[in-house]
Amino acid sequence: MDEFQLYFQPKVDVRHDRVVGYEVLLRNKEQNPYYPVGKMANILKNQEEHYYFLKWFQDEMTQVLHSAPTEKFAINFAPNQLLYPETHIFFTNMQQFVEQLIIEVTEEPPLFVDTINNLGALTVDQQLHSAFLSIKEKGYYIALDDVDSGKNSLDEVLKYTSYLDQIKFSIVKCDKKDLNEETLNLFLTAWKHFSEDYHLDFIVEGIEDQETSDRLKKQGIFIQQGYYFGKPSKKIKKCC
């Protein structure tokens, strides 16, 4: 796993201009690092490769958490990973850091389920419910990434609200769909109300300028993430 490295992007409470945590992002070691899509796709569909990836990730995160014991970190897991038993061994091994970690489940649909031996007669949905319950029982804080994108539609989010602590909304993904500002604001307002109804924290990511940040602040959306506050970096920046 020598080809991988970890980057960190801050999450900011704009009421106090204070960093409240970091998202941990996987990058390759190219001159201009980026998420290694193809390599990770191969790892996620191969249980043995995934096992060795998690061993590397556990070692790396343990060092990070020891070096920054007062900080919180969101670590991303695709739904497919939650179907592997070694993922839950990872969560058990990392329980000493449960107060520092957020398990952020991404929007990709579970793939390659035919390679997973422990599905038995259970459906993927049943397996995912069991996985979410196991994570919650270990004391972790759980976030659902990119609501209203990919797999994480409203219907999908409703399946897991009893396990969730946070939902995230990406402005960038909406920009790619050419939504105008008024329509985007309606989506944001709806998800903000949804989070309040279900007592979930609400984070908006993809903030790239002060104008957008200020507009969201006026809407009562205070936890924000994006290039405006800092690009992903190998160093954990203590301020925005």
C-alpha atoms as a PDB file:
ATOM      1  CA  MET A   1       0.000   0.000   0.000  1.00  0.00           C
ATOM      2  CA  ASP A   2       3.022   2.271  -0.401  1.00  0.00           C
ATOM      3  CA  GLU A   3       1.280   4.032  -3.284  1.00  0.00           C
ATOM      4  CA  PHE A   4      -1.321   5.611  -0.956  1.00  0.00           C
ATOM      5  CA  GLN A   5      -1.241   8.570   1.412  1.00  0.00           C
ATOM      6  CA  LEU A   6      -3.767  10.410   3.584  1.00  0.00           C
ATOM      7  CA  TYR A   7      -4.890  13.998   3.119  1.00  0.00           C
ATOM      8  CA  PHE A   8      -7.078  16.069   5.438  1.00  0.00           C
ATOM      9  CA  GLN A   9      -9.734  18.699   4.736  1.00  0.00           C
ATOM     10  CA  PRO A  10     -11.143  20.843   7.561  1.00  0.00           C
ATOM     11  CA  LYS A  11     -14.773  21.233   8.551  1.00  0.00           C
ATOM     12  CA  VAL A  12     -15.519  24.681   9.940  1.00  0.00           C
ATOM     13  CA  ASP A  13     -18.166  26.128  12.246  1.00  0.00           C
ATOM     14  CA  VAL A  14     -18.625  29.496  10.544  1.00  0.00           C
ATOM     15  CA  ARG A  15     -20.294  31.020  13.611  1.00  0.00           C
ATOM     16  CA  HIS A  16     -16.921  31.025  15.341  1.00  0.00           C
ATOM     17  CA  ASP A  17     -14.507  30.466  12.412  1.00  0.00           C
ATOM     18  CA  ARG A  18     -13.384  27.324  14.197  1.00  0.00           C
ATOM     19  CA  VAL A  19     -12.258  23.986  12.777  1.00  0.00           C
ATOM     20  CA  VAL A  20     -14.474  21.263  14.268  1.00  0.00           C
ATOM     21  CA  GLY A  21     -12.976  18.259  12.504  1.00  0.00           C
ATOM     22  CA  TYR A  22     -11.393  16.878   9.362  1.00  0.00           C
ATOM     23  CA  GLU A  23     -12.399  14.550   6.570  1.00  0.00           C
ATOM     24  CA  VAL A  24      -9.688  11.992   5.817  1.00  0.00           C
ATOM     25  CA  LEU A  25      -9.170  11.609   2.075  1.00  0.00           C
ATOM     26  CA  LEU A  26      -7.250   8.865   0.303  1.00  0.00           C
ATOM     27  CA  ARG A  27      -4.789  10.040  -2.361  1.00  0.00           C
ATOM     28  CA  ASN A  28      -2.154   8.416  -4.537  1.00  0.00           C
ATOM     29  CA  LYS A  29       1.444   9.624  -4.692  1.00  0.00           C
ATOM     30  CA  GLU A  30       1.368  11.237  -8.120  1.00  0.00           C
ATOM     31  CA  GLN A  31       2.859  14.712  -8.545  1.00  0.00           C
ATOM     32  CA  ASN A  32      -0.690  16.057  -8.360  1.00  0.00           C
ATOM     33  CA  PRO A  33      -2.344  13.569  -5.982  1.00  0.00           C
ATOM     34  CA  TYR A  34      -5.918  12.431  -6.619  1.00  0.00           C
ATOM     35  CA  TYR A  35      -8.276   9.705  -5.419  1.00  0.00           C
ATOM     36  CA  PRO A  36      -7.155   6.419  -7.048  1.00  0.00           C
ATOM     37  CA  VAL A  37     -10.521   5.318  -8.432  1.00  0.00           C
ATOM     38  CA  GLY A  38      -9.396   2.299 -10.433  1.00  0.00           C
ATOM     39  CA  LYS A  39      -7.052   0.948  -7.775  1.00  0.00           C
ATOM     40  CA  MET A  40      -9.671   1.267  -5.043  1.00  0.00           C
ATOM     41  CA  ALA A  41     -12.331  -0.380  -7.205  1.00  0.00           C
ATOM     42  CA  ASN A  42     -10.064  -3.421  -7.502  1.00  0.00           C
ATOM     43  CA  ILE A  43      -9.399  -3.428  -3.754  1.00  0.00           C
ATOM     44  CA  LEU A  44     -13.090  -3.169  -2.858  1.00  0.00           C
ATOM     45  CA  LYS A  45     -14.036  -6.175  -4.969  1.00  0.00           C
ATOM     46  CA  ASN A  46     -11.225  -8.373  -3.672  1.00  0.00           C
ATOM     47  CA  GLN A  47     -11.618  -9.391  -0.036  1.00  0.00           C
ATOM     48  CA  GLU A  48      -7.951 -10.284   0.449  1.00  0.00           C
ATOM     49  CA  GLU A  49      -6.761  -6.993  -1.040  1.00  0.00           C
ATOM     50  CA  HIS A  50      -9.298  -5.155   1.085  1.00  0.00           C
ATOM     51  CA  TYR A  51      -7.991  -6.898   4.215  1.00  0.00           C
ATOM     52  CA  TYR A  52      -4.444  -5.661   3.548  1.00  0.00           C
ATOM     53  CA  PHE A  53      -5.712  -2.171   2.707  1.00  0.00           C
ATOM     54  CA  LEU A  54      -7.508  -1.965   6.060  1.00  0.00           C
ATOM     55  CA  LYS A  55      -4.376  -3.098   7.908  1.00  0.00           C
ATOM     56  CA  TRP A  56      -2.453  -0.251   6.261  1.00  0.00           C
ATOM     57  CA  PHE A  57      -5.273   2.208   6.941  1.00  0.00           C
ATOM     58  CA  GLN A  58      -5.487   1.173  10.595  1.00  0.00           C
ATOM     59  CA  ASP A  59      -1.755   1.757  11.073  1.00  0.00           C
ATOM     60  CA  GLU A  60      -1.902   5.141   9.353  1.00  0.00           C
ATOM     61  CA  MET A  61      -4.976   6.338  11.258  1.00  0.00           C
ATOM     62  CA  THR A  62      -3.590   5.155  14.595  1.00  0.00           C
ATOM     63  CA  GLN A  63      -0.567   7.393  14.058  1.00  0.00           C
ATOM     64  CA  VAL A  64      -2.796  10.323  13.082  1.00  0.00           C
ATOM     65  CA  LEU A  65      -5.090   9.909  16.084  1.00  0.00           C
ATOM     66  CA  HIS A  66      -2.202   9.659  18.532  1.00  0.00           C
ATOM     67  CA  SER A  67      -0.623  12.783  17.033  1.00  0.00           C
ATOM     68  CA  ALA A  68      -3.857  14.829  17.267  1.00  0.00           C
ATOM     69  CA  PRO A  69      -5.757  13.448  20.292  1.00  0.00           C
ATOM     70  CA  THR A  70      -8.192  16.373  20.570  1.00  0.00           C
ATOM     71  CA  GLU A  71      -9.284  16.382  16.921  1.00  0.00           C
ATOM     72  CA  LYS A  72     -12.154  14.542  15.226  1.00  0.00           C
ATOM     73  CA  PHE A  73     -11.738  12.736  11.904  1.00  0.00           C
ATOM     74  CA  ALA A  74     -14.314  11.456   9.418  1.00  0.00           C
ATOM     75  CA  ILE A  75     -13.199   8.295   7.631  1.00  0.00           C
ATOM     76  CA  ASN A  76     -15.000   7.141   4.494  1.00  0.00           C
ATOM     77  CA  PHE A  77     -16.371   3.670   3.888  1.00  0.00           C
ATOM     78  CA  ALA A  78     -18.244   2.528   0.798  1.00  0.00           C
ATOM     79  CA  PRO A  79     -21.366   0.432   1.526  1.00  0.00           C
ATOM     80  CA  ASN A  80     -19.620  -2.530  -0.074  1.00  0.00           C
ATOM     81  CA  GLN A  81     -16.938  -2.414   2.620  1.00  0.00           C
ATOM     82  CA  LEU A  82     -19.556  -2.755   5.354  1.00  0.00           C
ATOM     83  CA  LEU A  83     -20.373  -6.225   4.016  1.00  0.00           C
ATOM     84  CA  TYR A  84     -16.872  -7.508   4.745  1.00  0.00           C
ATOM     85  CA  PRO A  85     -16.184  -8.976   8.223  1.00  0.00           C
ATOM     86  CA  GLU A  86     -12.681  -7.464   8.351  1.00  0.00           C
ATOM     87  CA  THR A  87     -14.235  -3.987   8.264  1.00  0.00           C
ATOM     88  CA  HIS A  88     -15.985  -4.680  11.554  1.00  0.00           C
ATOM     89  CA  ILE A  89     -12.761  -6.088  12.989  1.00  0.00           C
ATOM     90  CA  PHE A  90     -11.230  -2.724  12.046  1.00  0.00           C
ATOM     91  CA  PHE A  91     -14.016  -0.895  13.902  1.00  0.00           C
ATOM     92  CA  THR A  92     -13.421  -3.093  16.957  1.00  0.00           C
ATOM     93  CA  ASN A  93      -9.662  -2.513  16.835  1.00  0.00           C
ATOM     94  CA  MET A  94     -10.192   1.273  16.594  1.00  0.00           C
ATOM     95  CA  GLN A  95     -12.722   1.515  19.422  1.00  0.00           C
ATOM     96  CA  GLN A  96     -10.143   3.156  21.671  1.00  0.00           C
ATOM     97  CA  PHE A  97     -10.532   6.179  19.359  1.00  0.00           C
ATOM     98  CA  VAL A  98     -14.326   6.070  19.139  1.00  0.00           C
ATOM     99  CA  GLU A  99     -14.682   9.646  20.447  1.00  0.00           C
ATOM    100  CA  GLN A 100     -12.432  10.939  17.674  1.00  0.00           C
ATOM    101  CA  LEU A 101     -13.855   9.043  14.717  1.00  0.00           C
ATOM    102  CA  ILE A 102     -16.853   9.590  12.456  1.00  0.00           C
ATOM    103  CA  ILE A 103     -17.764   6.714  10.146  1.00  0.00           C
ATOM    104  CA  GLU A 104     -18.864   8.378   6.920  1.00  0.00           C
ATOM    105  CA  VAL A 105     -20.733   6.066   4.541  1.00  0.00           C
ATOM    106  CA  THR A 106     -20.441   7.103   0.906  1.00  0.00           C
ATOM    107  CA  GLU A 107     -23.091   7.190  -1.787  1.00  0.00           C
ATOM    108  CA  GLU A 108     -21.776   4.380  -3.996  1.00  0.00           C
ATOM    109  CA  PRO A 109     -24.102   1.397  -4.355  1.00  0.00           C
ATOM    110  CA  PRO A 110     -22.768  -1.881  -2.928  1.00  0.00           C
ATOM    111  CA  LEU A 111     -20.901  -3.699  -5.699  1.00  0.00           C
ATOM    112  CA  PHE A 112     -19.416  -7.142  -6.219  1.00  0.00           C
ATOM    113  CA  VAL A 113     -21.635  -8.726  -3.564  1.00  0.00           C
ATOM    114  CA  ASP A 114     -21.141 -12.101  -5.250  1.00  0.00           C
ATOM    115  CA  THR A 115     -17.563 -12.083  -3.929  1.00  0.00           C
ATOM    116  CA  ILE A 116     -18.695 -11.811  -0.311  1.00  0.00           C
ATOM    117  CA  ASN A 117     -19.087 -15.166   1.366  1.00  0.00           C
ATOM    118  CA  ASN A 118     -21.109 -14.183   4.410  1.00  0.00           C
ATOM    119  CA  LEU A 119     -24.262 -12.893   2.748  1.00  0.00           C
ATOM    120  CA  GLY A 120     -26.039 -16.203   3.069  1.00  0.00           C
ATOM    121  CA  ALA A 121     -29.789 -15.860   2.614  1.00  0.00           C
ATOM    122  CA  LEU A 122     -29.842 -12.209   3.740  1.00  0.00           C
ATOM    123  CA  THR A 123     -30.419  -9.397   1.263  1.00  0.00           C
ATOM    124  CA  VAL A 124     -27.887  -6.592   0.862  1.00  0.00           C
ATOM    125  CA  ASP A 125     -30.299  -4.237   2.670  1.00  0.00           C
ATOM    126  CA  GLN A 126     -30.531  -6.634   5.611  1.00  0.00           C
ATOM    127  CA  GLN A 127     -26.749  -6.939   5.712  1.00  0.00           C
ATOM    128  CA  LEU A 128     -26.354  -3.155   5.662  1.00  0.00           C
ATOM    129  CA  HIS A 129     -28.869  -2.715   8.490  1.00  0.00           C
ATOM    130  CA  SER A 130     -26.919  -5.261  10.503  1.00  0.00           C
ATOM    131  CA  ALA A 131     -23.666  -3.451   9.698  1.00  0.00           C
ATOM    132  CA  PHE A 132     -25.024  -0.058  10.737  1.00  0.00           C
ATOM    133  CA  LEU A 133     -26.333  -1.546  13.974  1.00  0.00           C
ATOM    134  CA  SER A 134     -22.953  -3.135  14.724  1.00  0.00           C
ATOM    135  CA  ILE A 135     -21.147   0.170  14.146  1.00  0.00           C
ATOM    136  CA  LYS A 136     -23.629   2.048  16.329  1.00  0.00           C
ATOM    137  CA  GLU A 137     -23.365  -0.497  19.141  1.00  0.00           C
ATOM    138  CA  LYS A 138     -19.605   0.055  19.170  1.00  0.00           C
ATOM    139  CA  GLY A 139     -20.289   3.706  20.007  1.00  0.00           C
ATOM    140  CA  TYR A 140     -19.355   5.334  16.716  1.00  0.00           C
ATOM    141  CA  TYR A 141     -20.864   8.499  15.292  1.00  0.00           C
ATOM    142  CA  ILE A 142     -22.245   7.737  11.800  1.00  0.00           C
ATOM    143  CA  ALA A 143     -22.605  10.136   8.867  1.00  0.00           C
ATOM    144  CA  LEU A 144     -24.190   9.591   5.472  1.00  0.00           C
ATOM    145  CA  ASP A 145     -22.272  11.312   2.689  1.00  0.00           C
ATOM    146  CA  ASP A 146     -23.714  13.170  -0.306  1.00  0.00           C
ATOM    147  CA  VAL A 147     -27.418  12.844   0.429  1.00  0.00           C
ATOM    148  CA  ASP A 148     -29.475  13.246  -2.736  1.00  0.00           C
ATOM    149  CA  SER A 149     -26.571  11.867  -4.798  1.00  0.00           C
ATOM    150  CA  GLY A 150     -25.864   8.344  -6.037  1.00  0.00           C
ATOM    151  CA  LYS A 151     -27.390   5.710  -3.763  1.00  0.00           C
ATOM    152  CA  ASN A 152     -28.256   8.146  -0.966  1.00  0.00           C
ATOM    153  CA  SER A 153     -31.676   9.289  -2.139  1.00  0.00           C
ATOM    154  CA  LEU A 154     -34.325  10.376   0.355  1.00  0.00           C
ATOM    155  CA  ASP A 155     -35.813   6.882   0.305  1.00  0.00           C
ATOM    156  CA  GLU A 156     -32.407   5.376   1.081  1.00  0.00           C
ATOM    157  CA  VAL A 157     -31.641   7.873   3.855  1.00  0.00           C
ATOM    158  CA  LEU A 158     -34.968   7.102   5.511  1.00  0.00           C
ATOM    159  CA  LYS A 159     -33.959   3.437   5.814  1.00  0.00           C
ATOM    160  CA  TYR A 160     -31.042   4.307   8.087  1.00  0.00           C
ATOM    161  CA  THR A 161     -32.100   7.393  10.062  1.00  0.00           C
ATOM    162  CA  SER A 162     -32.270   5.428  13.329  1.00  0.00           C
ATOM    163  CA  TYR A 163     -28.509   4.786  13.060  1.00  0.00           C
ATOM    164  CA  LEU A 164     -27.403   8.194  11.787  1.00  0.00           C
ATOM    165  CA  ASP A 165     -25.961  11.213  13.547  1.00  0.00           C
ATOM    166  CA  GLN A 166     -25.149  13.384  10.543  1.00  0.00           C
ATOM    167  CA  ILE A 167     -25.952  13.908   6.880  1.00  0.00           C
ATOM    168  CA  LYS A 168     -23.822  15.744   4.335  1.00  0.00           C
ATOM    169  CA  PHE A 169     -24.930  17.627   1.232  1.00  0.00           C
ATOM    170  CA  SER A 170     -22.569  18.451  -1.645  1.00  0.00           C
ATOM    171  CA  ILE A 171     -23.064  21.714  -3.508  1.00  0.00           C
ATOM    172  CA  VAL A 172     -20.448  20.644  -6.051  1.00  0.00           C
ATOM    173  CA  LYS A 173     -22.508  17.653  -7.170  1.00  0.00           C
ATOM    174  CA  CYS A 174     -25.544  19.894  -7.573  1.00  0.00           C
ATOM    175  CA  ASP A 175     -23.502  22.375  -9.635  1.00  0.00           C
ATOM    176  CA  LYS A 176     -22.655  19.537 -12.018  1.00  0.00           C
ATOM    177  CA  LYS A 177     -26.401  19.080 -12.556  1.00  0.00           C
ATOM    178  CA  ASP A 178     -26.748  22.771 -13.559  1.00  0.00           C
ATOM    179  CA  LEU A 179     -29.220  23.638 -10.824  1.00  0.00           C
ATOM    180  CA  ASN A 180     -29.940  27.344 -10.549  1.00  0.00           C
ATOM    181  CA  GLU A 181     -29.411  29.069  -7.201  1.00  0.00           C
ATOM    182  CA  GLU A 182     -33.103  29.217  -6.285  1.00  0.00           C
ATOM    183  CA  THR A 183     -33.603  25.480  -6.893  1.00  0.00           C
ATOM    184  CA  LEU A 184     -30.413  24.643  -5.014  1.00  0.00           C
ATOM    185  CA  ASN A 185     -31.624  26.694  -2.040  1.00  0.00           C
ATOM    186  CA  LEU A 186     -34.875  24.716  -2.014  1.00  0.00           C
ATOM    187  CA  PHE A 187     -32.939  21.445  -1.875  1.00  0.00           C
ATOM    188  CA  LEU A 188     -30.723  22.777   0.902  1.00  0.00           C
ATOM    189  CA  THR A 189     -33.697  24.021   2.898  1.00  0.00           C
ATOM    190  CA  ALA A 190     -35.500  20.704   2.525  1.00  0.00           C
ATOM    191  CA  TRP A 191     -32.477  18.695   3.721  1.00  0.00           C
ATOM    192  CA  LYS A 192     -31.859  21.142   6.564  1.00  0.00           C
ATOM    193  CA  HIS A 193     -35.458  20.670   7.753  1.00  0.00           C
ATOM    194  CA  PHE A 194     -35.090  16.917   7.336  1.00  0.00           C
ATOM    195  CA  SER A 195     -31.976  16.922   9.533  1.00  0.00           C
ATOM    196  CA  GLU A 196     -33.794  18.960  12.183  1.00  0.00           C
ATOM    197  CA  ASP A 197     -36.823  16.646  12.109  1.00  0.00           C
ATOM    198  CA  TYR A 198     -34.601  13.609  12.689  1.00  0.00           C
ATOM    199  CA  HIS A 199     -32.157  15.369  15.051  1.00  0.00           C
ATOM    200  CA  LEU A 200     -29.191  14.984  12.702  1.00  0.00           C
ATOM    201  CA  ASP A 201     -26.225  17.295  12.258  1.00  0.00           C
ATOM    202  CA  PHE A 202     -26.153  18.857   8.789  1.00  0.00           C
ATOM    203  CA  ILE A 203     -22.954  19.659   6.900  1.00  0.00           C
ATOM    204  CA  VAL A 204     -22.689  21.268   3.482  1.00  0.00           C
ATOM    205  CA  GLU A 205     -19.513  20.643   1.515  1.00  0.00           C
ATOM    206  CA  GLY A 206     -18.176  22.112  -1.705  1.00  0.00           C
ATOM    207  CA  ILE A 207     -17.939  25.701  -0.428  1.00  0.00           C
ATOM    208  CA  GLU A 208     -15.561  27.559  -2.723  1.00  0.00           C
ATOM    209  CA  ASP A 209     -16.092  31.260  -1.913  1.00  0.00           C
ATOM    210  CA  GLN A 210     -17.150  33.598   0.872  1.00  0.00           C
ATOM    211  CA  GLU A 211     -20.371  34.578  -0.881  1.00  0.00           C
ATOM    212  CA  THR A 212     -21.622  30.977  -0.792  1.00  0.00           C
ATOM    213  CA  SER A 213     -20.486  30.533   2.788  1.00  0.00           C
ATOM    214  CA  ASP A 214     -22.264  33.708   3.914  1.00  0.00           C
ATOM    215  CA  ARG A 215     -25.449  32.748   2.078  1.00  0.00           C
ATOM    216  CA  LEU A 216     -25.537  29.368   3.817  1.00  0.00           C
ATOM    217  CA  LYS A 217     -24.820  31.012   7.159  1.00  0.00           C
ATOM    218  CA  LYS A 218     -27.907  33.195   6.681  1.00  0.00           C
ATOM    219  CA  GLN A 219     -29.897  29.993   6.081  1.00  0.00           C
ATOM    220  CA  GLY A 220     -28.722  28.656   9.428  1.00  0.00           C
ATOM    221  CA  ILE A 221     -26.224  26.189   7.922  1.00  0.00           C
ATOM    222  CA  PHE A 222     -23.161  26.640  10.070  1.00  0.00           C
ATOM    223  CA  ILE A 223     -20.931  23.568   9.587  1.00  0.00           C
ATOM    224  CA  GLN A 224     -19.275  23.895   6.213  1.00  0.00           C
ATOM    225  CA  GLN A 225     -16.472  22.289   4.246  1.00  0.00           C
ATOM    226  CA  GLY A 226     -14.728  23.130   1.005  1.00  0.00           C
ATOM    227  CA  TYR A 227     -11.783  24.719  -0.784  1.00  0.00           C
ATOM    228  CA  TYR A 228     -12.729  28.136   0.612  1.00  0.00           C
ATOM    229  CA  PHE A 229     -11.641  26.917   4.053  1.00  0.00           C
ATOM    230  CA  GLY A 230      -8.734  24.834   2.824  1.00  0.00           C
ATOM    231  CA  LYS A 231      -7.834  22.337   0.133  1.00  0.00           C
ATOM    232  CA  PRO A 232      -7.030  18.783   1.219  1.00  0.00           C
ATOM    233  CA  SER A 233      -3.555  18.785   2.730  1.00  0.00           C
ATOM    234  CA  LYS A 234      -1.060  16.284   4.129  1.00  0.00           C
ATOM    235  CA  LYS A 235      -0.842  18.473   7.235  1.00  0.00           C
ATOM    236  CA  ILE A 236      -3.611  18.898   9.794  1.00  0.00           C
ATOM    237  CA  LYS A 237      -4.259  22.635   9.783  1.00  0.00           C
ATOM    238  CA  LYS A 238      -5.446  23.950  13.117  1.00  0.00           C
ATOM    239  CA  CYS A 239      -7.241  27.000  11.801  1.00  0.00           C
ATOM    240  CA  CYS A 240      -9.119  28.174   8.733  1.00  0.00           C
END
